[in-house]
PDB file of N, CA and C in Angstrom:
ATOM      1  N   MET A   1       9.886   2.962  -0.150  1.00  0.00           N
ATOM      2  CA  MET A   1      10.338   4.115  -0.948  1.00  0.00           C
ATOM      3  C   MET A   1      11.539   4.746  -0.184  1.00  0.00           C
ATOM      4  N   ILE A   2      12.488   5.115  -0.950  1.00  0.00           N
ATOM      5  CA  ILE A   2      13.605   5.935  -0.306  1.00  0.00           C
ATOM      6  C   ILE A   2      13.766   7.223  -1.087  1.00  0.00           C
ATOM      7  N   LEU A   3      14.378   8.212  -0.381  1.00  0.00           N
ATOM      8  CA  LEU A   3      14.697   9.477  -0.958  1.00  0.00           C
ATOM      9  C   LEU A   3      16.138   9.691  -1.200  1.00  0.00           C
ATOM     10  N   VAL A   4      16.554   9.915  -2.443  1.00  0.00           N
ATOM     11  CA  VAL A   4      17.959  10.068  -2.768  1.00  0.00           C
ATOM     12  C   VAL A   4      18.118  11.418  -3.481  1.00  0.00           C
ATOM     13  N   HIS A   5      18.814  12.413  -2.819  1.00  0.00           N
ATOM     14  CA  HIS A   5      19.024  13.672  -3.371  1.00  0.00           C
ATOM     15  C   HIS A   5      17.723  14.262  -3.829  1.00  0.00           C
ATOM     16  N   GLY A   6      16.655  14.199  -3.012  1.00  0.00           N
ATOM     17  CA  GLY A   6      15.363  14.791  -3.313  1.00  0.00           C
ATOM     18  C   GLY A   6      14.469  14.068  -4.298  1.00  0.00           C
ATOM     19  N   ARG A   7      14.951  12.887  -4.693  1.00  0.00           N
ATOM     20  CA  ARG A   7      14.209  12.051  -5.760  1.00  0.00           C
ATOM     21  C   ARG A   7      13.704  10.851  -5.054  1.00  0.00           C
ATOM     22  N   GLU A   8      12.514  10.456  -5.338  1.00  0.00           N
ATOM     23  CA  GLU A   8      11.865   9.244  -4.657  1.00  0.00           C
ATOM     24  C   GLU A   8      12.129   8.016  -5.517  1.00  0.00           C
ATOM     25  N   TYR A   9      12.707   6.969  -4.840  1.00  0.00           N
ATOM     26  CA  TYR A   9      13.069   5.749  -5.504  1.00  0.00           C
ATOM     27  C   TYR A   9      12.275   4.600  -4.811  1.00  0.00           C
ATOM     28  N   GLY A  10      11.944   3.558  -5.610  1.00  0.00           N
ATOM     29  CA  GLY A  10      11.265   2.420  -4.963  1.00  0.00           C
ATOM     30  C   GLY A  10      11.618   1.122  -5.689  1.00  0.00           C
ATOM     31  N   THR A  11      11.379   0.002  -5.010  1.00  0.00           N
ATOM     32  CA  THR A  11      11.598  -1.246  -5.730  1.00  0.00           C
ATOM     33  C   THR A  11      10.569  -1.387  -6.823  1.00  0.00           C
ATOM     34  N   ALA A  12      10.711  -2.398  -7.668  1.00  0.00           N
ATOM     35  CA  ALA A  12       9.786  -2.647  -8.795  1.00  0.00           C
ATOM     36  C   ALA A  12       8.389  -2.810  -8.234  1.00  0.00           C
ATOM     37  N   GLU A  13       8.343  -3.574  -7.100  1.00  0.00           N
ATOM     38  CA  GLU A  13       6.971  -3.785  -6.495  1.00  0.00           C
ATOM     39  C   GLU A  13       6.288  -2.472  -5.979  1.00  0.00           C
ATOM     40  N   GLN A  14       7.139  -1.657  -5.375  1.00  0.00           N
ATOM     41  CA  GLN A  14       6.621  -0.358  -4.809  1.00  0.00           C
ATOM     42  C   GLN A  14       6.198   0.533  -5.977  1.00  0.00           C
ATOM     43  N   ILE A  15       6.973   0.632  -7.043  1.00  0.00           N
ATOM     44  CA  ILE A  15       6.661   1.481  -8.187  1.00  0.00           C
ATOM     45  C   ILE A  15       5.375   0.961  -8.824  1.00  0.00           C
ATOM     46  N   ALA A  16       5.193  -0.347  -9.031  1.00  0.00           N
ATOM     47  CA  ALA A  16       4.003  -0.905  -9.670  1.00  0.00           C
ATOM     48  C   ALA A  16       2.800  -0.535  -8.733  1.00  0.00           C
ATOM     49  N   THR A  17       2.945  -0.627  -7.479  1.00  0.00           N
ATOM     50  CA  THR A  17       1.823  -0.341  -6.572  1.00  0.00           C
ATOM     51  C   THR A  17       1.429   1.159  -6.683  1.00  0.00           C
ATOM     52  N   ARG A  18       2.376   2.029  -6.682  1.00  0.00           N
ATOM     53  CA  ARG A  18       2.143   3.442  -6.764  1.00  0.00           C
ATOM     54  C   ARG A  18       1.550   3.879  -8.069  1.00  0.00           C
ATOM     55  N   LEU A  19       1.944   3.227  -9.157  1.00  0.00           N
ATOM     56  CA  LEU A  19       1.412   3.669 -10.508  1.00  0.00           C
ATOM     57  C   LEU A  19       0.117   3.072 -10.889  1.00  0.00           C
ATOM     58  N   GLY A  20      -0.466   2.170 -10.121  1.00  0.00           N
ATOM     59  CA  GLY A  20      -1.782   1.643 -10.350  1.00  0.00           C
ATOM     60  C   GLY A  20      -1.805   0.205 -10.579  1.00  0.00           C
ATOM     61  N   GLY A  21      -3.020  -0.404 -10.482  1.00  0.00           N
ATOM     62  CA  GLY A  21      -3.253  -1.815 -10.476  1.00  0.00           C
ATOM     63  C   GLY A  21      -2.879  -2.448 -11.817  1.00  0.00           C
ATOM     64  N   ASP A  22      -2.909  -1.739 -13.005  1.00  0.00           N
ATOM     65  CA  ASP A  22      -2.560  -2.395 -14.237  1.00  0.00           C
ATOM     66  C   ASP A  22      -1.076  -2.379 -14.509  1.00  0.00           C
ATOM     67  N   VAL A  23      -0.342  -1.783 -13.693  1.00  0.00           N
ATOM     68  CA  VAL A  23       1.237  -1.801 -13.887  1.00  0.00           C
ATOM     69  C   VAL A  23       1.792  -2.977 -13.048  1.00  0.00           C
ATOM     70  N   THR A  24       2.539  -3.825 -13.676  1.00  0.00           N
ATOM     71  CA  THR A  24       3.060  -4.985 -12.958  1.00  0.00           C
ATOM     72  C   THR A  24       4.568  -4.793 -12.648  1.00  0.00           C
ATOM     73  N   VAL A  25       5.071  -5.656 -11.786  1.00  0.00           N
ATOM     74  CA  VAL A  25       6.486  -5.640 -11.417  1.00  0.00           C
ATOM     75  C   VAL A  25       7.330  -5.984 -12.709  1.00  0.00           C
ATOM     76  N   ALA A  26       6.838  -6.908 -13.523  1.00  0.00           N
ATOM     77  CA  ALA A  26       7.540  -7.229 -14.736  1.00  0.00           C
ATOM     78  C   ALA A  26       7.659  -6.006 -15.711  1.00  0.00           C
ATOM     79  N   MET A  27       6.548  -5.217 -15.727  1.00  0.00           N
ATOM     80  CA  MET A  27       6.564  -4.057 -16.612  1.00  0.00           C
ATOM     81  C   MET A  27       7.665  -3.077 -16.172  1.00  0.00           C
ATOM     82  N   VAL A  28       7.771  -2.868 -14.902  1.00  0.00           N
ATOM     83  CA  VAL A  28       8.779  -1.941 -14.346  1.00  0.00           C
ATOM     84  C   VAL A  28      10.199  -2.422 -14.730  1.00  0.00           C
ATOM     85  N   ARG A  29      10.395  -3.695 -14.501  1.00  0.00           N
ATOM     86  CA  ARG A  29      11.670  -4.280 -14.906  1.00  0.00           C
ATOM     87  C   ARG A  29      11.994  -4.200 -16.415  1.00  0.00           C
ATOM     88  N   ASN A  30      10.922  -4.375 -17.196  1.00  0.00           N
ATOM     89  CA  ASN A  30      11.079  -4.273 -18.660  1.00  0.00           C
ATOM     90  C   ASN A  30      11.430  -2.836 -19.027  1.00  0.00           C
ATOM     91  N   TRP A  31      10.831  -1.887 -18.338  1.00  0.00           N
ATOM     92  CA  TRP A  31      11.201  -0.450 -18.667  1.00  0.00           C
ATOM     93  C   TRP A  31      12.615  -0.199 -18.441  1.00  0.00           C
ATOM     94  N   ALA A  32      13.159  -0.800 -17.479  1.00  0.00           N
ATOM     95  CA  ALA A  32      14.660  -0.649 -17.169  1.00  0.00           C
ATOM     96  C   ALA A  32      15.476  -1.269 -18.208  1.00  0.00           C
ATOM     97  N   ALA A  33      15.125  -2.425 -18.666  1.00  0.00           N
ATOM     98  CA  ALA A  33      15.849  -3.142 -19.689  1.00  0.00           C
ATOM     99  C   ALA A  33      15.658  -2.603 -21.074  1.00  0.00           C
ATOM    100  N   ARG A  34      14.475  -2.115 -21.421  1.00  0.00           N
ATOM    101  CA  ARG A  34      14.128  -1.646 -22.751  1.00  0.00           C
ATOM    102  C   ARG A  34      14.101  -0.184 -22.936  1.00  0.00           C
ATOM    103  N   ASP A  35      13.566   0.512 -21.955  1.00  0.00           N
ATOM    104  CA  ASP A  35      13.239   1.989 -22.176  1.00  0.00           C
ATOM    105  C   ASP A  35      14.174   2.948 -21.403  1.00  0.00           C
ATOM    106  N   GLY A  36      15.199   2.422 -20.831  1.00  0.00           N
ATOM    107  CA  GLY A  36      16.181   3.292 -20.149  1.00  0.00           C
ATOM    108  C   GLY A  36      15.827   3.813 -18.782  1.00  0.00           C
ATOM    109  N   LEU A  37      14.902   3.035 -18.123  1.00  0.00           N
ATOM    110  CA  LEU A  37      14.605   3.427 -16.734  1.00  0.00           C
ATOM    111  C   LEU A  37      15.840   3.318 -15.860  1.00  0.00           C
ATOM    112  N   GLU A  38      16.245   4.318 -15.202  1.00  0.00           N
ATOM    113  CA  GLU A  38      17.442   4.255 -14.420  1.00  0.00           C
ATOM    114  C   GLU A  38      17.201   3.290 -13.234  1.00  0.00           C
ATOM    115  N   SER A  39      18.313   2.820 -12.660  1.00  0.00           N
ATOM    116  CA  SER A  39      18.217   2.025 -11.463  1.00  0.00           C
ATOM    117  C   SER A  39      19.465   2.176 -10.634  1.00  0.00           C
ATOM    118  N   ILE A  40      19.269   2.030  -9.331  1.00  0.00           N
ATOM    119  CA  ILE A  40      20.430   1.985  -8.480  1.00  0.00           C
ATOM    120  C   ILE A  40      20.300   0.774  -7.579  1.00  0.00           C
ATOM    121  N   ARG A  41      21.382   0.172  -7.273  1.00  0.00           N
ATOM    122  CA  ARG A  41      21.451  -1.075  -6.471  1.00  0.00           C
ATOM    123  C   ARG A  41      21.983  -0.824  -5.166  1.00  0.00           C
ATOM    124  N   VAL A  42      21.341  -1.141  -4.099  1.00  0.00           N
ATOM    125  CA  VAL A  42      21.720  -1.013  -2.668  1.00  0.00           C
ATOM    126  C   VAL A  42      21.743  -2.401  -2.162  1.00  0.00           C
ATOM    127  N   GLY A  43      23.016  -2.992  -1.989  1.00  0.00           N
ATOM    128  CA  GLY A  43      23.056  -4.376  -1.615  1.00  0.00           C
ATOM    129  C   GLY A  43      22.420  -5.281  -2.667  1.00  0.00           C
ATOM    130  N   ARG A  44      21.424  -6.080  -2.331  1.00  0.00           N
ATOM    131  CA  ARG A  44      20.793  -6.888  -3.348  1.00  0.00           C
ATOM    132  C   ARG A  44      19.523  -6.372  -3.833  1.00  0.00           C
ATOM    133  N   THR A  45      19.177  -5.106  -3.448  1.00  0.00           N
ATOM    134  CA  THR A  45      17.870  -4.475  -3.783  1.00  0.00           C
ATOM    135  C   THR A  45      18.122  -3.395  -4.910  1.00  0.00           C
ATOM    136  N   VAL A  46      17.235  -3.488  -5.918  1.00  0.00           N
ATOM    137  CA  VAL A  46      17.294  -2.563  -7.035  1.00  0.00           C
ATOM    138  C   VAL A  46      16.200  -1.606  -6.832  1.00  0.00           C
ATOM    139  N   TYR A  47      16.510  -0.243  -6.883  1.00  0.00           N
ATOM    140  CA  TYR A  47      15.507   0.823  -6.810  1.00  0.00           C
ATOM    141  C   TYR A  47      15.445   1.602  -8.110  1.00  0.00           C
ATOM    142  N   TYR A  48      14.253   2.080  -8.433  1.00  0.00           N
ATOM    143  CA  TYR A  48      13.974   2.781  -9.632  1.00  0.00           C
ATOM    144  C   TYR A  48      13.382   4.179  -9.282  1.00  0.00           C
ATOM    145  N   PRO A  49      13.652   5.217 -10.036  1.00  0.00           N
ATOM    146  CA  PRO A  49      13.066   6.554  -9.739  1.00  0.00           C
ATOM    147  C   PRO A  49      11.596   6.569 -10.061  1.00  0.00           C
ATOM    148  N   LEU A  50      10.804   7.051  -9.130  1.00  0.00           N
ATOM    149  CA  LEU A  50       9.350   6.989  -9.296  1.00  0.00           C
ATOM    150  C   LEU A  50       8.933   8.067 -10.417  1.00  0.00           C
ATOM    151  N   ASP A  51       9.575   9.196 -10.477  1.00  0.00           N
ATOM    152  CA  ASP A  51       9.244  10.172 -11.452  1.00  0.00           C
ATOM    153  C   ASP A  51       9.477   9.713 -12.841  1.00  0.00           C
ATOM    154  N   GLN A  52      10.571   9.075 -13.058  1.00  0.00           N
ATOM    155  CA  GLN A  52      10.903   8.607 -14.457  1.00  0.00           C
ATOM    156  C   GLN A  52       9.996   7.418 -14.842  1.00  0.00           C
ATOM    157  N   ALA A  53       9.771   6.584 -13.925  1.00  0.00           N
ATOM    158  CA  ALA A  53       8.809   5.409 -14.175  1.00  0.00           C
ATOM    159  C   ALA A  53       7.432   5.980 -14.490  1.00  0.00           C
ATOM    160  N   ALA A  54       6.952   6.994 -13.812  1.00  0.00           N
ATOM    161  CA  ALA A  54       5.679   7.600 -14.129  1.00  0.00           C
ATOM    162  C   ALA A  54       5.687   8.237 -15.500  1.00  0.00           C
ATOM    163  N   THR A  55       6.676   8.776 -15.905  1.00  0.00           N
ATOM    164  CA  THR A  55       6.839   9.413 -17.242  1.00  0.00           C
ATOM    165  C   THR A  55       6.741   8.322 -18.312  1.00  0.00           C
ATOM    166  N   ILE A  56       7.520   7.256 -18.089  1.00  0.00           N
ATOM    167  CA  ILE A  56       7.520   6.130 -19.083  1.00  0.00           C
ATOM    168  C   ILE A  56       6.127   5.514 -19.142  1.00  0.00           C
ATOM    169  N   GLU A  57       5.432   5.327 -18.064  1.00  0.00           N
ATOM    170  CA  GLU A  57       4.195   4.697 -18.035  1.00  0.00           C
ATOM    171  C   GLU A  57       3.212   5.599 -18.745  1.00  0.00           C
ATOM    172  N   ARG A  58       3.240   6.940 -18.494  1.00  0.00           N
ATOM    173  CA  ARG A  58       2.348   7.860 -19.178  1.00  0.00           C
ATOM    174  C   ARG A  58       2.565   7.820 -20.671  1.00  0.00           C
ATOM    175  N   ASP A  59       3.834   7.853 -21.130  1.00  0.00           N
ATOM    176  CA  ASP A  59       4.111   7.850 -22.559  1.00  0.00           C
ATOM    177  C   ASP A  59       3.659   6.572 -23.199  1.00  0.00           C
ATOM    178  N   LYS A  60       3.802   5.422 -22.547  1.00  0.00           N
ATOM    179  CA  LYS A  60       3.374   4.215 -23.106  1.00  0.00           C
ATOM    180  C   LYS A  60       1.833   4.137 -23.201  1.00  0.00           C
ATOM    181  N   ARG A  61       1.157   4.641 -22.144  1.00  0.00           N
ATOM    182  CA  ARG A  61      -0.279   4.601 -22.122  1.00  0.00           C
ATOM    183  C   ARG A  61      -0.845   5.467 -23.217  1.00  0.00           C
ATOM    184  N   VAL A  62      -0.347   6.567 -23.566  1.00  0.00           N
ATOM    185  CA  VAL A  62      -0.900   7.476 -24.589  1.00  0.00           C
ATOM    186  C   VAL A  62      -0.452   7.117 -26.026  1.00  0.00           C
ATOM    187  N   THR A  63       0.458   6.157 -26.278  1.00  0.00           N
ATOM    188  CA  THR A  63       0.906   5.855 -27.589  1.00  0.00           C
ATOM    189  C   THR A  63      -0.100   5.017 -28.300  1.00  0.00           C
ATOM    190  N   GLY A  64      -0.993   4.297 -27.625  1.00  0.00           N
ATOM    191  CA  GLY A  64      -1.983   3.489 -28.339  1.00  0.00           C
ATOM    192  C   GLY A  64      -1.512   2.107 -28.681  1.00  0.00           C
ATOM    193  N   ARG A  65      -0.267   1.825 -28.438  1.00  0.00           N
ATOM    194  CA  ARG A  65       0.356   0.448 -28.733  1.00  0.00           C
ATOM    195  C   ARG A  65       0.122  -0.405 -27.539  1.00  0.00           C
ATOM    196  N   GLY A  66       0.049  -1.663 -27.688  1.00  0.00           N
ATOM    197  CA  GLY A  66      -0.111  -2.568 -26.590  1.00  0.00           C
ATOM    198  C   GLY A  66      -1.459  -2.665 -26.010  1.00  0.00           C
ATOM    199  N   ARG A  67      -1.628  -3.325 -24.926  1.00  0.00           N
ATOM    200  CA  ARG A  67      -3.006  -3.409 -24.345  1.00  0.00           C
ATOM    201  C   ARG A  67      -3.410  -2.036 -23.689  1.00  0.00           C
ATOM    202  N   PRO A  68      -4.593  -1.764 -23.743  1.00  0.00           N
ATOM    203  CA  PRO A  68      -5.106  -0.450 -23.096  1.00  0.00           C
ATOM    204  C   PRO A  68      -4.968  -0.506 -21.545  1.00  0.00           C
ATOM    205  N   ARG A  69      -4.496   0.628 -21.055  1.00  0.00           N
ATOM    206  CA  ARG A  69      -4.360   0.649 -19.584  1.00  0.00           C
ATOM    207  C   ARG A  69      -5.261   1.851 -19.055  1.00  0.00           C
ATOM    208  N   ARG A  70      -5.662   1.668 -17.743  1.00  0.00           N
ATOM    209  CA  ARG A  70      -6.409   2.680 -17.174  1.00  0.00           C
ATOM    210  C   ARG A  70      -5.529   3.822 -16.673  1.00  0.00           C
ATOM    211  N   LEU A  71      -6.116   4.957 -16.567  1.00  0.00           N
ATOM    212  CA  LEU A  71      -5.411   6.186 -16.095  1.00  0.00           C
ATOM    213  C   LEU A  71      -5.649   6.276 -14.630  1.00  0.00           C
ATOM    214  N   ASP A  72      -4.637   6.199 -13.788  1.00  0.00           N
ATOM    215  CA  ASP A  72      -4.728   6.383 -12.417  1.00  0.00           C
ATOM    216  C   ASP A  72      -4.326   7.887 -12.094  1.00  0.00           C
ATOM    217  N   VAL A  73      -5.257   8.740 -12.061  1.00  0.00           N
ATOM    218  CA  VAL A  73      -5.005  10.202 -11.953  1.00  0.00           C
ATOM    219  C   VAL A  73      -4.205  10.520 -10.703  1.00  0.00           C
ATOM    220  N   GLU A  74      -4.525   9.883  -9.570  1.00  0.00           N
ATOM    221  CA  GLU A  74      -3.887  10.202  -8.325  1.00  0.00           C
ATOM    222  C   GLU A  74      -2.355   9.797  -8.365  1.00  0.00           C
ATOM    223  N   ALA A  75      -2.015   8.610  -8.983  1.00  0.00           N
ATOM    224  CA  ALA A  75      -0.685   8.189  -9.087  1.00  0.00           C
ATOM    225  C   ALA A  75       0.142   9.106 -10.031  1.00  0.00           C
ATOM    226  N   VAL A  76      -0.440   9.562 -11.104  1.00  0.00           N
ATOM    227  CA  VAL A  76       0.261  10.417 -12.078  1.00  0.00           C
ATOM    228  C   VAL A  76       0.434  11.790 -11.456  1.00  0.00           C
ATOM    229  N   ALA A  77      -0.515  12.249 -10.700  1.00  0.00           N
ATOM    230  CA  ALA A  77      -0.443  13.561 -10.008  1.00  0.00           C
ATOM    231  C   ALA A  77       0.645  13.552  -8.922  1.00  0.00           C
ATOM    232  N   ALA A  78       0.755  12.414  -8.279  1.00  0.00           N
ATOM    233  CA  ALA A  78       1.761  12.295  -7.181  1.00  0.00           C
ATOM    234  C   ALA A  78       3.156  12.280  -7.716  1.00  0.00           C
ATOM    235  N   ALA A  79       3.368  11.872  -8.943  1.00  0.00           N
ATOM    236  CA  ALA A  79       4.724  11.753  -9.502  1.00  0.00           C
ATOM    237  C   ALA A  79       5.173  13.059 -10.081  1.00  0.00           C
TER     238      ALA A  79
END
Protein backbone atom coordinates (compact mmCIF):
# COMPACT_ATOMS: atom_id res chain seq x y z
CA MET A 1 0.00 0.00 0.00
CA ILE A 2 1.16 3.53 -0.74
CA LEU A 3 0.00 6.88 0.55
CA VAL A 4 -0.65 9.64 -2.01
CA HIS A 5 -1.83 13.02 -0.70
CA GLY A 6 -3.21 11.36 2.43
CA ARG A 7 -5.12 8.69 0.48
CA GLU A 8 -4.20 5.01 0.68
CA TYR A 9 -3.68 3.21 -2.64
CA GLY A 10 -2.91 -0.43 -3.33
CA THR A 11 -2.58 -2.91 -6.15
CA ALA A 12 -5.59 -5.00 -7.10
CA GLU A 13 -4.19 -7.86 -5.02
CA GLN A 14 -3.64 -5.65 -1.96
CA ILE A 15 -7.13 -4.13 -2.25
CA ALA A 16 -8.72 -7.59 -2.57
CA THR A 17 -6.84 -8.79 0.51
CA ARG A 18 -7.85 -5.77 2.58
CA LEU A 19 -11.54 -5.96 1.60
CA GLY A 20 -11.99 -9.60 2.51
CA GLY A 21 -11.73 -13.14 1.25
CA ASP A 22 -14.68 -12.95 -1.11
CA VAL A 23 -13.26 -9.99 -3.08
CA THR A 24 -11.02 -11.11 -5.93
CA VAL A 25 -8.33 -9.36 -7.95
CA ALA A 26 -10.57 -9.66 -11.03
CA MET A 27 -13.41 -7.91 -9.16
CA VAL A 28 -11.17 -4.95 -8.33
CA ARG A 29 -10.07 -4.66 -11.96
CA ASN A 30 -13.69 -4.93 -13.13
CA TRP A 31 -14.67 -2.10 -10.78
CA ALA A 32 -12.07 0.05 -12.52
CA ALA A 33 -13.36 -0.89 -15.97
CA ARG A 34 -17.09 -0.80 -15.22
CA ASP A 35 -17.76 1.24 -12.09
CA GLY A 36 -15.33 4.12 -12.34
CA LEU A 37 -12.78 3.02 -9.74
CA GLU A 38 -9.90 5.45 -10.16
CA SER A 39 -6.41 4.18 -10.86
CA ILE A 40 -2.91 5.55 -11.08
CA ARG A 41 -0.03 3.91 -12.87
CA VAL A 42 3.47 4.03 -11.44
CA GLY A 43 5.78 2.33 -13.92
CA ARG A 44 4.12 -0.97 -14.76
CA THR A 45 2.09 -1.14 -11.54
CA VAL A 46 -1.51 0.07 -11.28
CA TYR A 47 -2.75 1.35 -7.91
CA TYR A 48 -6.38 1.85 -6.82
CA PRO A 49 -7.70 4.00 -3.92
CA LEU A 50 -8.73 1.82 -0.98
CA ASP A 51 -11.50 4.13 0.20
CA GLN A 52 -13.21 4.26 -3.19
CA ALA A 53 -12.86 0.49 -3.65
CA ALA A 54 -14.43 -0.08 -0.23
CA THR A 55 -17.34 2.19 -1.15
CA ILE A 56 -17.95 0.35 -4.43
CA GLU A 57 -17.71 -3.02 -2.66
CA ARG A 58 -20.20 -1.91 0.01
CA ASP A 59 -22.63 -0.55 -2.58
CA LYS A 60 -22.48 -3.76 -4.61
CA ARG A 61 -22.90 -5.94 -1.52
CA VAL A 62 -26.08 -4.18 -0.38
CA THR A 63 -27.78 -4.01 -3.81
CA GLY A 64 -28.81 -7.67 -3.68
CA ARG A 65 -27.67 -8.32 -7.25
CA GLY A 66 -25.04 -10.94 -8.02
CA ARG A 67 -23.71 -13.57 -5.70
CA PRO A 68 -24.10 -12.91 -1.96
CA ARG A 69 -20.95 -11.71 -0.22
CA ARG A 70 -19.94 -11.75 3.42
CA LEU A 71 -19.56 -8.51 5.33
CA ASP A 72 -16.02 -8.02 6.61
CA VAL A 73 -16.68 -5.44 9.33
CA GLU A 74 -13.01 -4.81 10.07
CA ALA A 75 -12.15 -4.07 6.41
CA VAL A 76 -15.09 -1.70 6.00
CA ALA A 77 -14.27 0.08 9.25
CA ALA A 78 -10.63 0.49 8.20
CA ALA A 79 -11.65 2.18 4.95
